[in-house]
Amino acid sequence: MTQPKLPGQGASQPTSRGEAQPARAEPAGTGAAGRRRRRSSTIYAAALLGMGALVAAAWLGRERFQPVVAGRPAPSFFVTSLDGERVSLEQYRGKVVLLNVWATWCAPCREEMPSMERLYRRLSGRDFEILAVSVDEQVGRAVPADALRAFAAELDLTFPILHSAPNAPKNIQRIYQTTGVPESFLIGTDGVIYRRISGPTTWDSSQYRDQIIRLLGE
């Protein structure tokens, strides 16, 4: 016995042409508001990544932004001897070091060099060293050894004469943030800068000699 079909049961009823269809609901987050939220999130994430990269770069290169002044550790460096050997500050750790940045064409440098030699001879035999680093232009791609040796011989200098190419990425002037020549740094046995002097001075005067002796612990 067949049951009568109730309205809505069985075959689907045709829809008359022109009859309004119910609107489909869009999944959450797919509308204009969702797109704006996604775009804002992407921009925010990119900004965070950019800030993170800047912070990391600043941390890795923090030494370059530290001022080279009294009371701070002396930056490490590599320079070249007149024989072409590599010389570093670390080789003199445990000694008091007078680092002098100079050039042969610098008249004030020539003026102060004799007092440096007198100081060097007076403190001979102690844990004291003078490192006079020239920033003269290279000859070709080599240390201007002949000119530096002639300069040292003329003034009878016996302390180490070294060289740092002025156009090198890590030259002594960039590392120590110098603004001219001569500039000098008195470095203690602990590797800390105790005095920075711009311009020539009389290095064998009592104020410098006594300070060096105190740094030597004598």
N, C-alpha and C. Protein backbone atom coordinates (compact mmCIF):
# COMPACT_ATOMS: atom_id res chain seq x y z
N MET A 1 0.85 -1.19 0.00
CA MET A 1 0.00 0.00 0.00
C MET A 1 0.88 1.23 0.00
N THR A 2 0.71 2.07 -0.93
CA THR A 2 1.56 3.25 -1.07
C THR A 2 1.04 4.38 -0.22
N GLN A 3 2.06 4.94 0.56
CA GLN A 3 1.68 6.07 1.41
C GLN A 3 1.70 7.35 0.59
N PRO A 4 0.75 8.20 0.84
CA PRO A 4 0.78 9.49 0.10
C PRO A 4 2.00 10.32 0.49
N LYS A 5 2.59 10.96 -0.52
CA LYS A 5 3.77 11.80 -0.24
C LYS A 5 3.35 13.12 0.34
N LEU A 6 4.05 13.46 1.38
CA LEU A 6 3.80 14.76 2.01
C LEU A 6 4.60 15.83 1.27
N PRO A 7 4.17 17.08 1.37
CA PRO A 7 4.93 18.17 0.71
C PRO A 7 6.37 18.20 1.21
N GLY A 8 7.33 18.32 0.33
CA GLY A 8 8.75 18.40 0.71
C GLY A 8 9.44 17.07 0.70
N GLN A 9 8.67 15.97 0.61
CA GLN A 9 9.29 14.67 0.60
C GLN A 9 9.45 14.19 -0.85
N GLY A 10 10.36 13.27 -1.02
CA GLY A 10 10.51 12.66 -2.34
C GLY A 10 11.32 13.52 -3.25
N ALA A 11 10.93 13.56 -4.52
CA ALA A 11 11.69 14.30 -5.53
C ALA A 11 11.69 15.77 -5.20
N SER A 12 12.78 16.39 -5.54
CA SER A 12 12.90 17.82 -5.28
C SER A 12 11.96 18.57 -6.17
N GLN A 13 11.42 19.63 -5.65
CA GLN A 13 10.48 20.43 -6.39
C GLN A 13 11.21 21.45 -7.24
N PRO A 14 10.83 21.60 -8.45
CA PRO A 14 11.51 22.60 -9.30
C PRO A 14 11.29 23.99 -8.75
N THR A 15 12.28 24.80 -8.99
CA THR A 15 12.21 26.19 -8.53
C THR A 15 11.82 27.05 -9.70
N SER A 16 10.88 27.84 -9.49
CA SER A 16 10.44 28.70 -10.58
C SER A 16 11.50 29.71 -10.92
N ARG A 17 11.66 30.01 -12.22
CA ARG A 17 12.70 30.94 -12.71
C ARG A 17 12.48 32.31 -12.08
N GLY A 18 13.60 32.90 -11.65
CA GLY A 18 13.53 34.25 -11.11
C GLY A 18 13.32 34.27 -9.60
N GLU A 19 13.09 33.08 -9.03
CA GLU A 19 12.89 33.04 -7.57
C GLU A 19 14.25 33.24 -6.88
N ALA A 20 14.29 34.09 -5.85
CA ALA A 20 15.54 34.41 -5.14
C ALA A 20 16.10 33.19 -4.44
N GLN A 21 17.44 32.97 -4.61
CA GLN A 21 18.10 31.86 -3.94
C GLN A 21 18.68 32.35 -2.61
N PRO A 22 18.68 31.52 -1.60
CA PRO A 22 19.29 31.94 -0.31
C PRO A 22 20.80 32.10 -0.48
N ALA A 23 21.41 33.20 0.09
CA ALA A 23 22.85 33.47 -0.02
C ALA A 23 23.65 32.44 0.76
N ARG A 24 24.78 31.98 0.13
CA ARG A 24 25.66 31.04 0.84
C ARG A 24 26.51 31.79 1.87
N ALA A 25 26.62 31.25 3.03
CA ALA A 25 27.45 31.87 4.09
C ALA A 25 28.92 31.55 3.82
N GLU A 26 29.80 32.58 3.76
CA GLU A 26 31.24 32.37 3.53
C GLU A 26 31.89 31.87 4.81
N PRO A 27 32.85 30.96 4.67
CA PRO A 27 33.57 30.50 5.87
C PRO A 27 34.21 31.68 6.58
N ALA A 28 34.34 31.53 7.89
CA ALA A 28 34.93 32.62 8.70
C ALA A 28 36.33 32.94 8.19
N GLY A 29 36.62 34.23 8.04
CA GLY A 29 37.96 34.67 7.66
C GLY A 29 38.19 34.77 6.18
N THR A 30 37.15 34.48 5.35
CA THR A 30 37.36 34.54 3.91
C THR A 30 36.82 35.81 3.30
N GLY A 31 36.17 36.63 4.07
CA GLY A 31 35.62 37.86 3.56
C GLY A 31 36.65 38.99 3.55
N ALA A 32 36.18 40.20 3.25
CA ALA A 32 37.07 41.36 3.18
C ALA A 32 37.74 41.62 4.53
N ALA A 33 36.97 41.47 5.59
CA ALA A 33 37.54 41.70 6.93
C ALA A 33 38.64 40.70 7.23
N GLY A 34 38.44 39.44 6.81
CA GLY A 34 39.45 38.42 7.04
C GLY A 34 40.72 38.70 6.26
N ARG A 35 40.53 39.14 5.01
CA ARG A 35 41.72 39.47 4.20
C ARG A 35 42.52 40.61 4.81
N ARG A 36 41.80 41.60 5.35
CA ARG A 36 42.50 42.72 5.99
C ARG A 36 43.28 42.25 7.22
N ARG A 37 42.66 41.33 7.97
CA ARG A 37 43.35 40.82 9.15
C ARG A 37 44.61 40.05 8.77
N ARG A 38 44.51 39.23 7.70
CA ARG A 38 45.69 38.47 7.27
C ARG A 38 46.79 39.39 6.78
N ARG A 39 46.39 40.44 6.01
CA ARG A 39 47.39 41.38 5.51
C ARG A 39 48.07 42.11 6.67
N SER A 40 47.32 42.51 7.67
CA SER A 40 47.90 43.19 8.83
C SER A 40 48.84 42.27 9.59
N SER A 41 48.46 40.98 9.72
CA SER A 41 49.31 40.02 10.42
C SER A 41 50.62 39.81 9.68
N THR A 42 50.55 39.76 8.33
CA THR A 42 51.77 39.58 7.53
C THR A 42 52.72 40.76 7.69
N ILE A 43 52.17 41.98 7.64
CA ILE A 43 52.99 43.18 7.80
C ILE A 43 53.63 43.21 9.18
N TYR A 44 52.85 42.84 10.20
CA TYR A 44 53.35 42.84 11.58
C TYR A 44 54.49 41.83 11.73
N ALA A 45 54.30 40.63 11.15
CA ALA A 45 55.33 39.60 11.25
C ALA A 45 56.61 40.04 10.54
N ALA A 46 56.47 40.69 9.37
CA ALA A 46 57.64 41.17 8.63
C ALA A 46 58.38 42.24 9.43
N ALA A 47 57.61 43.11 10.09
CA ALA A 47 58.23 44.16 10.91
C ALA A 47 59.01 43.56 12.07
N LEU A 48 58.41 42.53 12.70
CA LEU A 48 59.11 41.87 13.80
C LEU A 48 60.40 41.21 13.34
N LEU A 49 60.35 40.55 12.16
CA LEU A 49 61.55 39.91 11.62
C LEU A 49 62.62 40.95 11.31
N GLY A 50 62.20 42.09 10.74
CA GLY A 50 63.16 43.16 10.43
C GLY A 50 63.81 43.71 11.68
N MET A 51 63.01 43.93 12.72
CA MET A 51 63.56 44.43 13.98
C MET A 51 64.51 43.42 14.60
N GLY A 52 64.15 42.14 14.49
CA GLY A 52 65.03 41.10 15.03
C GLY A 52 66.37 41.07 14.31
N ALA A 53 66.33 41.24 12.99
CA ALA A 53 67.58 41.24 12.21
C ALA A 53 68.45 42.43 12.59
N LEU A 54 67.83 43.59 12.80
CA LEU A 54 68.60 44.78 13.19
C LEU A 54 69.24 44.59 14.56
N VAL A 55 68.48 44.03 15.49
CA VAL A 55 69.02 43.80 16.83
C VAL A 55 70.18 42.81 16.78
N ALA A 56 70.03 41.74 15.98
CA ALA A 56 71.10 40.75 15.85
C ALA A 56 72.35 41.37 15.24
N ALA A 57 72.17 42.19 14.19
CA ALA A 57 73.32 42.84 13.54
C ALA A 57 74.02 43.79 14.50
N ALA A 58 73.23 44.53 15.28
CA ALA A 58 73.83 45.46 16.24
C ALA A 58 74.60 44.70 17.31
N TRP A 59 74.06 43.55 17.74
CA TRP A 59 74.75 42.76 18.77
C TRP A 59 76.06 42.18 18.24
N LEU A 60 76.01 41.64 17.02
CA LEU A 60 77.21 41.05 16.45
C LEU A 60 78.28 42.09 16.18
N GLY A 61 77.87 43.31 15.82
CA GLY A 61 78.85 44.35 15.49
C GLY A 61 79.00 45.38 16.59
N ARG A 62 78.64 44.99 17.82
CA ARG A 62 78.62 45.98 18.91
C ARG A 62 79.99 46.59 19.20
N GLU A 63 81.06 45.79 18.96
CA GLU A 63 82.40 46.30 19.26
C GLU A 63 82.75 47.51 18.39
N ARG A 64 82.21 47.55 17.18
CA ARG A 64 82.53 48.66 16.28
C ARG A 64 81.92 49.96 16.75
N PHE A 65 80.88 49.87 17.59
CA PHE A 65 80.19 51.07 18.02
C PHE A 65 80.61 51.51 19.42
N GLN A 66 81.58 50.80 20.01
CA GLN A 66 82.05 51.17 21.34
C GLN A 66 83.11 52.25 21.20
N PRO A 67 83.03 53.33 21.96
CA PRO A 67 84.06 54.36 21.87
C PRO A 67 85.39 53.86 22.41
N VAL A 68 86.48 54.25 21.74
CA VAL A 68 87.82 53.84 22.17
C VAL A 68 88.36 54.96 23.06
N VAL A 69 88.11 54.82 24.35
CA VAL A 69 88.46 55.86 25.31
C VAL A 69 89.08 55.22 26.54
N ALA A 70 89.66 56.05 27.41
CA ALA A 70 90.24 55.56 28.65
C ALA A 70 89.16 54.87 29.48
N GLY A 71 89.53 53.72 30.03
CA GLY A 71 88.60 52.96 30.85
C GLY A 71 87.97 51.80 30.11
N ARG A 72 88.16 51.72 28.80
CA ARG A 72 87.59 50.63 28.01
C ARG A 72 88.71 49.70 27.52
N PRO A 73 88.37 48.43 27.25
CA PRO A 73 89.38 47.51 26.73
C PRO A 73 89.95 47.99 25.40
N ALA A 74 91.24 47.82 25.22
CA ALA A 74 91.87 48.20 23.96
C ALA A 74 91.46 47.21 22.88
N PRO A 75 90.95 47.69 21.74
CA PRO A 75 90.56 46.77 20.66
C PRO A 75 91.76 45.99 20.13
N SER A 76 91.52 44.75 19.77
CA SER A 76 92.58 43.95 19.18
C SER A 76 92.85 44.43 17.76
N PHE A 77 94.03 44.18 17.27
CA PHE A 77 94.38 44.59 15.91
C PHE A 77 95.52 43.73 15.40
N PHE A 78 95.69 43.75 14.08
CA PHE A 78 96.83 43.12 13.43
C PHE A 78 97.49 44.16 12.54
N VAL A 79 98.79 44.29 12.67
CA VAL A 79 99.58 45.19 11.83
C VAL A 79 100.77 44.40 11.28
N THR A 80 101.62 45.08 10.52
CA THR A 80 102.72 44.38 9.85
C THR A 80 104.06 44.98 10.25
N SER A 81 105.02 44.12 10.53
CA SER A 81 106.37 44.58 10.84
C SER A 81 107.09 44.96 9.55
N LEU A 82 108.25 45.58 9.68
CA LEU A 82 109.01 45.97 8.48
C LEU A 82 109.57 44.77 7.74
N ASP A 83 109.55 43.61 8.40
CA ASP A 83 109.99 42.37 7.76
C ASP A 83 108.81 41.60 7.17
N GLY A 84 107.63 42.20 7.21
CA GLY A 84 106.45 41.57 6.62
C GLY A 84 105.73 40.59 7.53
N GLU A 85 106.10 40.54 8.82
CA GLU A 85 105.45 39.62 9.75
C GLU A 85 104.21 40.26 10.36
N ARG A 86 103.23 39.41 10.65
CA ARG A 86 101.99 39.88 11.27
C ARG A 86 102.18 40.05 12.77
N VAL A 87 101.75 41.18 13.28
CA VAL A 87 101.92 41.49 14.71
C VAL A 87 100.55 41.85 15.28
N SER A 88 100.24 41.31 16.46
CA SER A 88 98.96 41.60 17.10
C SER A 88 99.18 42.17 18.50
N LEU A 89 98.18 42.87 19.00
CA LEU A 89 98.24 43.40 20.37
C LEU A 89 98.32 42.26 21.38
N GLU A 90 97.66 41.14 21.09
CA GLU A 90 97.63 40.02 22.02
C GLU A 90 99.03 39.47 22.32
N GLN A 91 99.96 39.67 21.41
CA GLN A 91 101.32 39.20 21.64
C GLN A 91 101.97 39.93 22.82
N TYR A 92 101.43 41.09 23.18
CA TYR A 92 102.03 41.89 24.24
C TYR A 92 101.17 41.93 25.50
N ARG A 93 100.19 41.01 25.58
CA ARG A 93 99.35 40.95 26.77
C ARG A 93 100.22 40.66 28.00
N GLY A 94 99.97 41.39 29.07
CA GLY A 94 100.80 41.26 30.27
C GLY A 94 101.86 42.35 30.36
N LYS A 95 101.97 43.15 29.28
CA LYS A 95 102.90 44.28 29.28
C LYS A 95 102.13 45.59 29.23
N VAL A 96 102.76 46.66 29.68
CA VAL A 96 102.22 48.00 29.45
C VAL A 96 102.65 48.41 28.05
N VAL A 97 101.70 48.85 27.24
CA VAL A 97 101.98 49.17 25.83
C VAL A 97 101.62 50.61 25.55
N LEU A 98 102.55 51.32 24.92
CA LEU A 98 102.26 52.64 24.38
C LEU A 98 102.05 52.46 22.87
N LEU A 99 100.80 52.55 22.44
CA LEU A 99 100.48 52.44 21.03
C LEU A 99 100.43 53.83 20.43
N ASN A 100 101.28 54.05 19.43
CA ASN A 100 101.39 55.36 18.80
C ASN A 100 101.05 55.24 17.31
N VAL A 101 100.06 56.01 16.85
CA VAL A 101 99.66 56.01 15.44
C VAL A 101 100.27 57.25 14.80
N TRP A 102 101.05 57.07 13.74
CA TRP A 102 101.84 58.17 13.21
C TRP A 102 102.07 58.01 11.71
N ALA A 103 102.81 58.98 11.11
CA ALA A 103 103.18 58.90 9.70
C ALA A 103 104.47 59.69 9.48
N THR A 104 105.24 59.29 8.48
CA THR A 104 106.52 59.94 8.24
C THR A 104 106.37 61.40 7.81
N TRP A 105 105.24 61.72 7.15
CA TRP A 105 105.02 63.08 6.64
C TRP A 105 104.47 64.02 7.72
N CYS A 106 104.27 63.50 8.91
CA CYS A 106 103.65 64.26 10.00
C CYS A 106 104.73 64.95 10.84
N ALA A 107 104.79 66.27 10.76
CA ALA A 107 105.80 67.02 11.53
C ALA A 107 105.63 66.86 13.04
N PRO A 108 104.42 66.92 13.60
CA PRO A 108 104.26 66.70 15.05
C PRO A 108 104.69 65.30 15.49
N CYS A 109 104.56 64.32 14.60
CA CYS A 109 105.02 62.97 14.93
C CYS A 109 106.54 62.96 15.09
N ARG A 110 107.21 63.59 14.16
CA ARG A 110 108.66 63.70 14.24
C ARG A 110 109.08 64.44 15.51
N GLU A 111 108.28 65.40 15.91
CA GLU A 111 108.57 66.20 17.10
C GLU A 111 108.55 65.37 18.38
N GLU A 112 107.58 64.44 18.50
CA GLU A 112 107.46 63.70 19.76
C GLU A 112 108.26 62.40 19.79
N MET A 113 108.70 61.90 18.65
CA MET A 113 109.41 60.62 18.61
C MET A 113 110.66 60.57 19.50
N PRO A 114 111.49 61.61 19.56
CA PRO A 114 112.67 61.54 20.43
C PRO A 114 112.32 61.32 21.90
N SER A 115 111.22 61.92 22.37
CA SER A 115 110.83 61.71 23.77
C SER A 115 110.34 60.27 23.98
N MET A 116 109.74 59.67 22.97
CA MET A 116 109.34 58.27 23.06
C MET A 116 110.57 57.37 23.16
N GLU A 117 111.60 57.70 22.39
CA GLU A 117 112.83 56.91 22.44
C GLU A 117 113.50 57.04 23.80
N ARG A 118 113.52 58.25 24.37
CA ARG A 118 114.12 58.43 25.70
C ARG A 118 113.36 57.61 26.75
N LEU A 119 112.03 57.64 26.67
CA LEU A 119 111.21 56.86 27.59
C LEU A 119 111.49 55.36 27.42
N TYR A 120 111.60 54.92 26.20
CA TYR A 120 111.82 53.51 25.90
C TYR A 120 113.15 53.04 26.49
N ARG A 121 114.16 53.84 26.34
CA ARG A 121 115.47 53.46 26.88
C ARG A 121 115.48 53.51 28.40
N ARG A 122 114.78 54.47 28.96
CA ARG A 122 114.76 54.60 30.42
C ARG A 122 114.05 53.41 31.07
N LEU A 123 113.04 52.90 30.43
CA LEU A 123 112.29 51.77 30.99
C LEU A 123 112.72 50.43 30.41
N SER A 124 113.87 50.40 29.78
CA SER A 124 114.40 49.17 29.20
C SER A 124 114.54 48.09 30.26
N GLY A 125 114.18 46.87 29.90
CA GLY A 125 114.27 45.76 30.84
C GLY A 125 113.00 45.52 31.64
N ARG A 126 112.04 46.42 31.54
CA ARG A 126 110.75 46.25 32.21
C ARG A 126 109.71 45.73 31.20
N ASP A 127 108.55 45.35 31.72
CA ASP A 127 107.47 44.86 30.86
C ASP A 127 106.73 46.03 30.22
N PHE A 128 107.46 46.76 29.42
CA PHE A 128 106.93 47.94 28.74
C PHE A 128 107.34 47.88 27.28
N GLU A 129 106.42 48.22 26.39
CA GLU A 129 106.72 48.20 24.97
C GLU A 129 106.06 49.38 24.26
N ILE A 130 106.73 49.90 23.27
CA ILE A 130 106.17 50.93 22.40
C ILE A 130 105.91 50.28 21.04
N LEU A 131 104.69 50.44 20.55
CA LEU A 131 104.33 49.99 19.21
C LEU A 131 103.97 51.22 18.39
N ALA A 132 104.89 51.63 17.53
CA ALA A 132 104.69 52.81 16.70
C ALA A 132 104.16 52.35 15.34
N VAL A 133 102.86 52.56 15.10
CA VAL A 133 102.22 52.04 13.89
C VAL A 133 102.06 53.16 12.86
N SER A 134 102.81 53.04 11.78
CA SER A 134 102.74 54.02 10.69
C SER A 134 101.50 53.78 9.83
N VAL A 135 100.92 54.87 9.37
CA VAL A 135 99.78 54.78 8.44
C VAL A 135 100.16 55.39 7.09
N ASP A 136 101.46 55.34 6.76
CA ASP A 136 101.92 55.80 5.45
C ASP A 136 101.32 54.94 4.35
N GLU A 137 101.18 55.52 3.16
CA GLU A 137 100.66 54.78 2.01
C GLU A 137 101.60 53.63 1.66
N GLN A 138 101.03 52.56 1.15
CA GLN A 138 101.82 51.42 0.73
C GLN A 138 102.60 51.74 -0.55
N VAL A 139 103.63 50.98 -0.76
CA VAL A 139 104.38 51.04 -2.01
C VAL A 139 103.90 49.86 -2.85
N GLY A 140 103.06 50.15 -3.84
CA GLY A 140 102.38 49.07 -4.52
C GLY A 140 101.40 48.47 -3.53
N ARG A 141 101.62 47.22 -3.18
CA ARG A 141 100.79 46.57 -2.15
C ARG A 141 101.64 46.12 -0.98
N ALA A 142 102.83 46.73 -0.85
CA ALA A 142 103.77 46.32 0.18
C ALA A 142 103.98 47.41 1.22
N VAL A 143 104.49 47.00 2.36
CA VAL A 143 104.84 47.95 3.43
C VAL A 143 105.95 48.86 2.92
N PRO A 144 105.85 50.18 3.16
CA PRO A 144 106.94 51.09 2.73
C PRO A 144 108.14 50.96 3.67
N ALA A 145 108.71 49.78 3.69
CA ALA A 145 109.75 49.44 4.67
C ALA A 145 110.97 50.35 4.56
N ASP A 146 111.42 50.65 3.34
CA ASP A 146 112.63 51.46 3.18
C ASP A 146 112.45 52.85 3.78
N ALA A 147 111.31 53.47 3.50
CA ALA A 147 111.06 54.81 4.02
C ALA A 147 110.95 54.79 5.55
N LEU A 148 110.34 53.76 6.09
CA LEU A 148 110.18 53.68 7.55
C LEU A 148 111.52 53.39 8.23
N ARG A 149 112.31 52.55 7.62
CA ARG A 149 113.64 52.27 8.19
C ARG A 149 114.51 53.53 8.15
N ALA A 150 114.43 54.27 7.05
CA ALA A 150 115.22 55.51 6.94
C ALA A 150 114.78 56.52 8.01
N PHE A 151 113.48 56.62 8.24
CA PHE A 151 112.97 57.54 9.26
C PHE A 151 113.48 57.14 10.64
N ALA A 152 113.39 55.83 10.96
CA ALA A 152 113.85 55.35 12.26
C ALA A 152 115.36 55.56 12.44
N ALA A 153 116.11 55.35 11.36
CA ALA A 153 117.57 55.52 11.46
C ALA A 153 117.93 56.99 11.66
N GLU A 154 117.20 57.88 11.00
CA GLU A 154 117.47 59.31 11.13
C GLU A 154 117.29 59.80 12.56
N LEU A 155 116.26 59.27 13.24
CA LEU A 155 115.98 59.71 14.62
C LEU A 155 116.55 58.75 15.66
N ASP A 156 117.28 57.74 15.19
CA ASP A 156 117.91 56.75 16.09
C ASP A 156 116.86 56.07 16.97
N LEU A 157 115.79 55.60 16.37
CA LEU A 157 114.71 54.96 17.10
C LEU A 157 114.97 53.46 17.19
N THR A 158 114.77 52.90 18.40
CA THR A 158 115.03 51.47 18.61
C THR A 158 113.77 50.68 18.95
N PHE A 159 112.65 51.35 19.18
CA PHE A 159 111.41 50.63 19.48
C PHE A 159 110.78 50.12 18.18
N PRO A 160 109.88 49.17 18.27
CA PRO A 160 109.30 48.56 17.05
C PRO A 160 108.53 49.58 16.19
N ILE A 161 108.89 49.58 14.92
CA ILE A 161 108.17 50.38 13.92
C ILE A 161 107.32 49.41 13.11
N LEU A 162 106.02 49.67 13.07
CA LEU A 162 105.07 48.77 12.40
C LEU A 162 104.27 49.55 11.37
N HIS A 163 103.43 48.85 10.63
CA HIS A 163 102.67 49.52 9.58
C HIS A 163 101.26 48.98 9.47
N SER A 164 100.32 49.88 9.21
CA SER A 164 98.92 49.52 8.96
C SER A 164 98.48 50.25 7.70
N ALA A 165 98.12 49.50 6.67
CA ALA A 165 97.71 50.11 5.39
C ALA A 165 96.48 50.98 5.61
N PRO A 166 96.55 52.27 5.25
CA PRO A 166 95.42 53.17 5.52
C PRO A 166 94.14 52.84 4.77
N ASN A 167 94.26 52.09 3.66
CA ASN A 167 93.06 51.75 2.89
C ASN A 167 92.54 50.35 3.19
N ALA A 168 93.13 49.68 4.17
CA ALA A 168 92.66 48.34 4.55
C ALA A 168 91.36 48.45 5.33
N PRO A 169 90.45 47.48 5.18
CA PRO A 169 89.17 47.55 5.89
C PRO A 169 89.33 47.61 7.41
N LYS A 170 90.34 46.93 7.94
CA LYS A 170 90.54 46.91 9.40
C LYS A 170 91.86 47.57 9.76
N ASN A 171 92.07 48.78 9.26
CA ASN A 171 93.31 49.47 9.59
C ASN A 171 93.23 50.05 11.00
N ILE A 172 94.38 50.40 11.52
CA ILE A 172 94.47 50.84 12.92
C ILE A 172 93.67 52.11 13.17
N GLN A 173 93.56 52.97 12.17
CA GLN A 173 92.82 54.22 12.34
C GLN A 173 91.33 53.96 12.53
N ARG A 174 90.78 53.03 11.78
CA ARG A 174 89.36 52.70 11.93
C ARG A 174 89.11 52.00 13.25
N ILE A 175 89.96 51.06 13.59
CA ILE A 175 89.76 50.29 14.80
C ILE A 175 89.82 51.18 16.04
N TYR A 176 90.77 52.11 16.05
CA TYR A 176 90.94 52.98 17.22
C TYR A 176 90.26 54.34 17.06
N GLN A 177 89.52 54.50 15.99
CA GLN A 177 88.69 55.69 15.78
C GLN A 177 89.52 56.98 15.91
N THR A 178 90.69 56.99 15.29
CA THR A 178 91.54 58.17 15.35
C THR A 178 91.05 59.22 14.36
N THR A 179 91.40 60.46 14.64
CA THR A 179 90.99 61.57 13.78
C THR A 179 92.18 62.26 13.12
N GLY A 180 93.38 61.81 13.42
CA GLY A 180 94.58 62.41 12.84
C GLY A 180 95.80 61.70 13.37
N VAL A 181 96.96 62.29 13.12
CA VAL A 181 98.22 61.77 13.66
C VAL A 181 99.02 62.95 14.24
N PRO A 182 99.77 62.69 15.30
CA PRO A 182 99.83 61.43 16.05
C PRO A 182 98.67 61.30 17.04
N GLU A 183 98.31 60.08 17.32
CA GLU A 183 97.40 59.76 18.42
C GLU A 183 98.00 58.57 19.16
N SER A 184 97.90 58.62 20.50
CA SER A 184 98.55 57.59 21.31
C SER A 184 97.60 57.04 22.36
N PHE A 185 97.84 55.77 22.72
CA PHE A 185 97.01 55.06 23.68
C PHE A 185 97.94 54.32 24.65
N LEU A 186 97.77 54.58 25.93
CA LEU A 186 98.54 53.88 26.95
C LEU A 186 97.68 52.75 27.48
N ILE A 187 98.14 51.52 27.25
CA ILE A 187 97.37 50.31 27.55
C ILE A 187 98.04 49.56 28.69
N GLY A 188 97.25 49.21 29.72
CA GLY A 188 97.80 48.51 30.88
C GLY A 188 98.00 47.03 30.65
N THR A 189 98.56 46.35 31.64
CA THR A 189 98.81 44.91 31.55
C THR A 189 97.51 44.12 31.46
N ASP A 190 96.40 44.73 31.87
CA ASP A 190 95.10 44.08 31.81
C ASP A 190 94.37 44.32 30.49
N GLY A 191 95.04 45.02 29.56
CA GLY A 191 94.43 45.27 28.26
C GLY A 191 93.46 46.44 28.22
N VAL A 192 93.44 47.25 29.28
CA VAL A 192 92.54 48.40 29.35
C VAL A 192 93.31 49.67 28.97
N ILE A 193 92.62 50.57 28.27
CA ILE A 193 93.22 51.86 27.92
C ILE A 193 93.18 52.78 29.14
N TYR A 194 94.34 53.31 29.52
CA TYR A 194 94.41 54.20 30.68
C TYR A 194 94.60 55.66 30.29
N ARG A 195 95.03 55.87 29.05
CA ARG A 195 95.19 57.25 28.60
C ARG A 195 95.12 57.29 27.09
N ARG A 196 94.41 58.30 26.57
CA ARG A 196 94.38 58.55 25.13
C ARG A 196 94.77 59.99 24.90
N ILE A 197 95.72 60.19 23.98
CA ILE A 197 96.23 61.55 23.72
C ILE A 197 96.21 61.81 22.23
N SER A 198 95.60 62.91 21.83
CA SER A 198 95.62 63.35 20.44
C SER A 198 96.65 64.47 20.32
N GLY A 199 97.55 64.34 19.36
CA GLY A 199 98.59 65.35 19.18
C GLY A 199 99.88 64.94 19.87
N PRO A 200 100.94 65.67 19.62
CA PRO A 200 102.24 65.32 20.18
C PRO A 200 102.33 65.68 21.66
N THR A 201 103.20 64.96 22.35
CA THR A 201 103.46 65.27 23.75
C THR A 201 104.90 64.86 24.08
N THR A 202 105.32 65.15 25.30
CA THR A 202 106.68 64.79 25.74
C THR A 202 106.55 63.54 26.61
N TRP A 203 106.83 62.40 26.01
CA TRP A 203 106.52 61.14 26.67
C TRP A 203 107.44 60.78 27.82
N ASP A 204 108.59 61.36 27.89
CA ASP A 204 109.47 61.02 29.02
C ASP A 204 109.32 61.98 30.19
N SER A 205 108.27 62.81 30.16
CA SER A 205 108.00 63.68 31.32
C SER A 205 107.53 62.82 32.49
N SER A 206 107.61 63.36 33.69
CA SER A 206 107.35 62.57 34.90
C SER A 206 105.90 62.06 34.96
N GLN A 207 104.93 62.82 34.44
CA GLN A 207 103.53 62.38 34.56
C GLN A 207 103.28 61.07 33.82
N TYR A 208 103.88 60.91 32.65
CA TYR A 208 103.70 59.67 31.89
C TYR A 208 104.58 58.56 32.44
N ARG A 209 105.80 58.90 32.74
CA ARG A 209 106.73 57.88 33.25
C ARG A 209 106.21 57.29 34.56
N ASP A 210 105.75 58.16 35.47
CA ASP A 210 105.24 57.68 36.76
C ASP A 210 103.98 56.83 36.58
N GLN A 211 103.12 57.22 35.65
CA GLN A 211 101.91 56.43 35.43
C GLN A 211 102.26 55.05 34.89
N ILE A 212 103.22 54.97 33.99
CA ILE A 212 103.63 53.68 33.44
C ILE A 212 104.21 52.79 34.53
N ILE A 213 105.01 53.38 35.40
CA ILE A 213 105.60 52.59 36.49
C ILE A 213 104.50 52.08 37.43
N ARG A 214 103.47 52.89 37.69
CA ARG A 214 102.36 52.43 38.52
C ARG A 214 101.62 51.29 37.83
N LEU A 215 101.42 51.40 36.52
CA LEU A 215 100.76 50.33 35.78
C LEU A 215 101.58 49.04 35.78
N LEU A 216 102.87 49.18 35.89
CA LEU A 216 103.75 48.01 35.97
C LEU A 216 103.72 47.39 37.36
N GLY A 217 103.07 48.09 38.32
CA GLY A 217 102.98 47.57 39.68
C GLY A 217 104.25 47.77 40.48
N GLU A 218 105.06 48.74 40.09
CA GLU A 218 106.32 48.98 40.82
C GLU A 218 106.16 50.12 41.81
